[in-house]
Each structure stands twice: as C-alpha cells, then as structure tokens.
Amino acid sequence: MSDCQGLGDCDDARMQRIYEYLDGALTHDDIAEIKDHLDGCPECFEQYDLECVIRVMVKRSCTEAAPENLKNSILDRIHSSSVEA
C-alpha cells in the first residue's frame, strides 16, 4: 500500500487491524481509529471494500446446500475408503 504510507503506516499490520475491524474484534477506541483511517486513506478503503465484497460472496456461498447426489457420492467415498483401510 505504497500511496498511503504517510497517512497511517499502512502495511500488513494495518490490514490485519482492518480485518479485526470487520470481524468486530476491536475496542470502541480502535474502531474509531480504523474508521478515521479508512475515511482518509483511499487505498486502505479500497482494500476494505474488496474484503467486504469477498465476505458477502463467501457468506452467500455458504448458505447454498450441496445437491443430494453430491452428498451421497462423498459419503460413499468416505465409506469405501474406511472399509479399504
């Protein structure tokens, strides 16, 4: 994140804090600090926005049920491998 080095020491540690912010794992003061940083740092905000999109897509994917035939196929393979062992 080269463009925002001067704005808040943006690096992997800063992104880790943004992930913690998204996870709801920060104190009230830390949340305010991250919000302020995101308001003033377009590059970090872009990364934050991308992470939000990814999380929505993953969450949506996790709610879809696997087809019954796929479940049965997997269970058959598990059963076959445990019988062979």
Protein backbone atom coordinates (compact mmCIF):
# COMPACT_ATOMS: atom_id res chain seq x y z
CA MET A 1 0.00 0.00 0.00
CA SER A 2 2.62 2.46 -1.07
CA ASP A 3 0.38 5.51 -1.62
CA CYS A 4 -0.74 5.71 1.99
CA GLN A 5 2.48 5.13 3.92
CA GLY A 6 2.46 8.67 5.28
CA LEU A 7 -1.20 8.62 6.25
CA GLY A 8 -1.09 5.85 8.79
CA ASP A 9 1.79 3.44 8.40
CA CYS A 10 -0.26 1.29 6.06
CA ASP A 11 1.17 -2.20 5.80
CA ASP A 12 0.20 -5.78 6.55
CA ALA A 13 -0.29 -4.88 10.21
CA ARG A 14 -2.78 -2.15 9.22
CA MET A 15 -4.69 -4.62 7.05
CA GLN A 16 -4.77 -7.06 9.95
CA ARG A 17 -6.42 -4.32 12.03
CA ILE A 18 -8.94 -3.75 9.24
CA TYR A 19 -9.75 -7.49 9.23
CA GLU A 20 -10.22 -7.33 13.01
CA TYR A 21 -12.49 -4.32 12.48
CA LEU A 22 -14.58 -6.32 10.00
CA ASP A 23 -14.71 -9.24 12.45
CA GLY A 24 -15.95 -6.97 15.26
CA ALA A 25 -12.89 -7.81 17.36
CA LEU A 26 -11.75 -4.28 18.30
CA THR A 27 -12.39 -1.95 21.19
CA HIS A 28 -14.52 1.16 20.75
CA ASP A 29 -11.39 3.36 20.53
CA ASP A 30 -9.76 1.05 17.98
CA ILE A 31 -12.94 1.06 15.88
CA ALA A 32 -12.91 4.86 15.81
CA GLU A 33 -9.23 4.87 14.81
CA ILE A 34 -9.83 2.44 11.92
CA LYS A 35 -12.90 4.38 10.73
CA ASP A 36 -10.88 7.61 10.74
CA HIS A 37 -8.08 5.94 8.84
CA LEU A 38 -10.43 4.48 6.22
CA ASP A 39 -12.04 7.90 5.75
CA GLY A 40 -8.66 9.43 4.92
CA CYS A 41 -6.90 6.63 3.09
CA PRO A 42 -8.36 5.71 -0.31
CA GLU A 43 -6.02 2.76 -0.80
CA CYS A 44 -6.92 1.12 2.51
CA PHE A 45 -10.59 1.89 1.89
CA GLU A 46 -10.32 0.11 -1.46
CA GLN A 47 -8.85 -2.96 0.29
CA TYR A 48 -11.56 -2.74 2.98
CA ASP A 49 -14.27 -2.52 0.31
CA LEU A 50 -12.83 -5.52 -1.56
CA GLU A 51 -12.75 -7.54 1.66
CA CYS A 52 -16.41 -6.65 2.28
CA VAL A 53 -17.36 -7.93 -1.18
CA ILE A 54 -15.37 -11.15 -0.64
CA ARG A 55 -17.05 -11.75 2.71
CA VAL A 56 -20.51 -11.26 1.20
CA MET A 57 -19.72 -13.71 -1.59
CA VAL A 58 -18.33 -16.32 0.83
CA LYS A 59 -21.32 -15.92 3.13
CA ARG A 60 -23.71 -16.32 0.20
CA SER A 61 -21.85 -19.41 -0.98
CA CYS A 62 -22.01 -20.98 2.46
CA THR A 63 -25.80 -20.80 2.56
CA GLU A 64 -26.26 -22.87 -0.57
CA ALA A 65 -26.96 -26.53 0.08
CA ALA A 66 -24.98 -29.17 -1.76
CA PRO A 67 -27.04 -31.35 -4.09
CA GLU A 68 -28.17 -34.61 -2.51
CA ASN A 69 -26.34 -36.71 -5.11
CA LEU A 70 -23.07 -34.93 -4.26
CA LYS A 71 -23.57 -35.59 -0.56
CA ASN A 72 -24.28 -39.26 -1.26
CA SER A 73 -21.23 -39.56 -3.53
CA ILE A 74 -18.96 -38.09 -0.86
CA LEU A 75 -20.40 -40.34 1.83
CA ASP A 76 -19.94 -43.39 -0.43
CA ARG A 77 -16.29 -42.47 -1.00
CA ILE A 78 -15.71 -41.98 2.71
CA HIS A 79 -17.33 -45.31 3.48
CA SER A 80 -15.31 -47.07 0.71
CA SER A 81 -12.01 -45.64 1.94
CA SER A 82 -12.70 -46.59 5.56
CA VAL A 83 -13.61 -50.17 4.54
CA GLU A 84 -10.38 -50.47 2.49
CA ALA A 85 -8.21 -49.23 5.37
